[in-house]
Protein backbone atom coordinates (compact mmCIF):
# COMPACT_ATOMS: atom_id res chain seq x y z
CA MET A 1 12.77 -28.15 -8.55
CA LYS A 2 12.19 -28.34 -4.82
CA ILE A 3 9.37 -26.48 -3.05
CA ALA A 4 9.73 -25.77 0.65
CA LYS A 5 7.46 -24.13 3.21
CA ILE A 6 8.52 -20.70 4.47
CA HIS A 7 9.10 -20.49 8.20
CA SER A 8 8.78 -16.77 8.93
CA LYS A 9 6.26 -14.01 9.63
CA LEU A 10 5.00 -14.54 6.08
CA SER A 11 4.18 -18.25 6.45
CA ASP A 12 0.57 -17.70 7.61
CA LEU A 13 -0.13 -14.67 5.44
CA LEU A 14 -2.24 -14.75 2.28
CA VAL A 15 -0.09 -12.55 0.02
CA TRP A 16 -2.30 -10.78 -2.51
CA LYS A 17 -0.04 -8.04 -3.89
CA THR A 18 3.61 -7.06 -4.19
CA TYR A 19 5.11 -3.73 -5.22
CA GLN A 20 8.66 -3.20 -6.45
CA LEU A 21 10.15 -0.02 -4.99
CA SER A 22 13.62 -0.45 -6.50
CA SER A 23 15.77 -3.23 -7.94
CA ASN A 24 16.32 -4.70 -4.47
CA GLN A 25 13.43 -3.31 -2.36
CA GLY A 26 9.73 -3.99 -2.32
CA LEU A 27 6.50 -4.30 -0.38
CA ILE A 28 4.57 -7.47 0.37
CA ILE A 29 0.87 -6.93 1.13
CA GLY A 30 -1.13 -9.72 2.73
CA ASN A 31 -4.69 -10.17 3.91
CA VAL A 32 -5.16 -11.08 7.56
CA GLY A 33 -8.97 -10.95 7.59
CA GLY A 34 -11.49 -8.32 8.56
CA GLY A 35 -10.55 -6.13 5.61
CA ILE A 36 -7.15 -5.25 7.06
CA SER A 37 -3.78 -5.78 5.40
CA LYS A 38 -0.45 -6.69 6.91
CA THR A 39 2.47 -5.10 5.08
CA PHE A 40 6.16 -5.97 4.97
CA PHE A 41 9.13 -4.10 3.52
CA VAL A 42 11.62 -6.48 1.96
CA SER A 43 15.15 -5.79 0.76
CA SER A 44 18.12 -7.95 -0.14
CA ASN A 45 19.04 -8.34 3.53
CA LYS A 46 15.93 -7.75 5.67
CA LEU A 47 12.24 -8.31 6.15
CA LEU A 48 10.52 -5.59 8.20
CA GLU A 49 6.87 -5.60 9.24
CA LEU A 50 5.43 -2.10 8.74
CA THR A 51 3.48 -1.75 11.98
CA SER A 52 2.38 1.83 11.22
CA TRP A 53 0.30 0.33 8.37
CA ASP A 54 -1.46 -2.20 10.67
CA ASN A 55 -4.95 -0.63 10.77
CA LEU A 56 -5.05 0.09 7.04
CA ARG A 57 -6.39 -1.85 4.09
CA VAL A 58 -3.85 -1.22 1.35
CA VAL A 59 -5.70 -0.51 -1.88
CA TYR A 60 -2.89 0.71 -4.13
CA VAL A 61 0.70 1.96 -4.03
CA ASN A 62 2.27 4.14 -6.73
CA LYS A 63 5.42 6.22 -7.16
CA SER A 64 4.99 9.92 -6.47
CA THR A 65 7.99 12.23 -6.84
CA GLN A 66 11.69 12.09 -5.93
CA GLY A 67 11.73 8.89 -3.84
CA LYS A 68 8.26 9.42 -2.41
CA TRP A 69 5.38 7.00 -2.82
CA LEU A 70 1.58 7.36 -2.63
CA LEU A 71 -0.43 4.93 -0.54
CA LEU A 72 -4.20 4.65 -1.11
CA THR A 73 -5.92 2.99 1.85
CA GLY A 74 -9.29 2.07 3.24
CA ASP A 75 -10.14 1.47 6.88
CA GLY A 76 -11.62 -1.99 6.22
CA ASN A 77 -15.00 -1.19 7.79
CA LYS A 78 -18.36 -2.05 6.21
CA ASN A 79 -19.01 1.63 5.36
CA GLU A 80 -15.38 2.17 4.38
CA SER A 81 -13.51 5.48 4.48
CA PHE A 82 -10.46 6.14 2.31
CA GLU A 83 -7.25 8.12 2.80
CA ILE A 84 -4.04 8.90 0.94
CA TYR A 85 -0.67 8.65 2.67
CA GLN A 86 2.85 9.34 1.50
CA PHE A 87 6.06 7.52 2.45
CA THR A 88 9.68 7.32 1.31
CA GLN A 89 11.72 4.28 0.31
CA GLN A 90 14.22 5.04 3.05
CA ARG A 91 11.52 5.13 5.77
CA PRO A 92 8.51 3.10 4.61
CA ASP A 93 7.25 2.68 8.20
CA SER A 94 6.88 6.46 8.54
CA ILE A 95 3.67 7.36 6.69
CA ASN A 96 2.08 10.80 6.51
CA LYS A 97 -1.59 11.33 5.74
CA ILE A 98 -1.98 13.88 2.94
CA TYR A 99 -5.70 13.54 2.04
CA ASP A 100 -8.86 12.26 3.68
CA LEU A 101 -11.16 11.03 0.90
CA GLY A 102 -14.07 10.18 3.20
CA LYS A 103 -16.50 7.60 1.81
CA ASN A 104 -15.43 8.21 -1.81
CA LYS A 105 -14.31 4.77 -2.99
CA PHE A 106 -11.27 4.57 -5.26
CA CYS A 107 -9.29 1.62 -6.58
CA SER A 108 -6.09 3.21 -7.91
CA ILE A 109 -3.85 6.24 -7.55
CA ALA A 110 -1.21 7.86 -9.77
CA ASN A 111 1.01 10.90 -9.85
CA TRP A 112 1.34 12.62 -13.22
CA GLN A 113 2.91 16.04 -13.78
CA ASN A 114 2.89 16.62 -10.00
CA LYS A 115 -0.87 16.08 -9.78
CA ILE A 116 -2.60 13.19 -8.03
CA PHE A 117 -5.16 11.21 -10.02
CA LEU A 118 -7.56 8.62 -8.62
CA GLY A 119 -9.28 5.82 -10.48
CA SER A 120 -12.74 4.71 -9.39
CA CYS A 121 -13.66 1.04 -9.37
CA ASP A 122 -16.11 1.65 -12.24
CA GLY A 123 -13.43 3.14 -14.53
CA LYS A 124 -13.74 6.90 -13.97
CA ILE A 125 -10.71 9.14 -13.39
CA TYR A 126 -10.60 12.01 -10.89
CA ARG A 127 -7.95 14.62 -10.08
CA ILE A 128 -7.21 16.13 -6.69
CA LYS A 129 -7.05 19.92 -6.93
C-alpha cells in the first residue's frame, strides 16, 4: 500500500463528515475554523466547491423527497442561530431556505412521511408543523 498527499482544494481541509447522495455522488464537509464549514460536491468526474454554503456550519444532511435533500445549518456564531435549507442532487450549489429555527439548537434532521423531524443534542425529537 502506498499513501500519497492530496494536492487539491481538499489538501488543507480537515474533513469531518461525508454524505453519499447516490452511488457516484457525494458531499465532503470540512472545518475551516471559526465554526464555519467548507463543502464540496464530488462525483466520478468532478470536484466542485459549493460556494453558496460558505457562511454556513453544516450540522446534518438527510434525504427529503424525490431527489431533494434537507440541510440543517448553524451560523457558527457564539450565540448560534439555525436554519433548514433544501437542495437537489442536480444543483447542490443552489440552496433554498425553508425554515428559520432561530436559537433552537438541533443536531439532526429527517424526513418521514413528508414531515420534517429534528433531533435535539440531548436526545429529544421534534416535528415541524
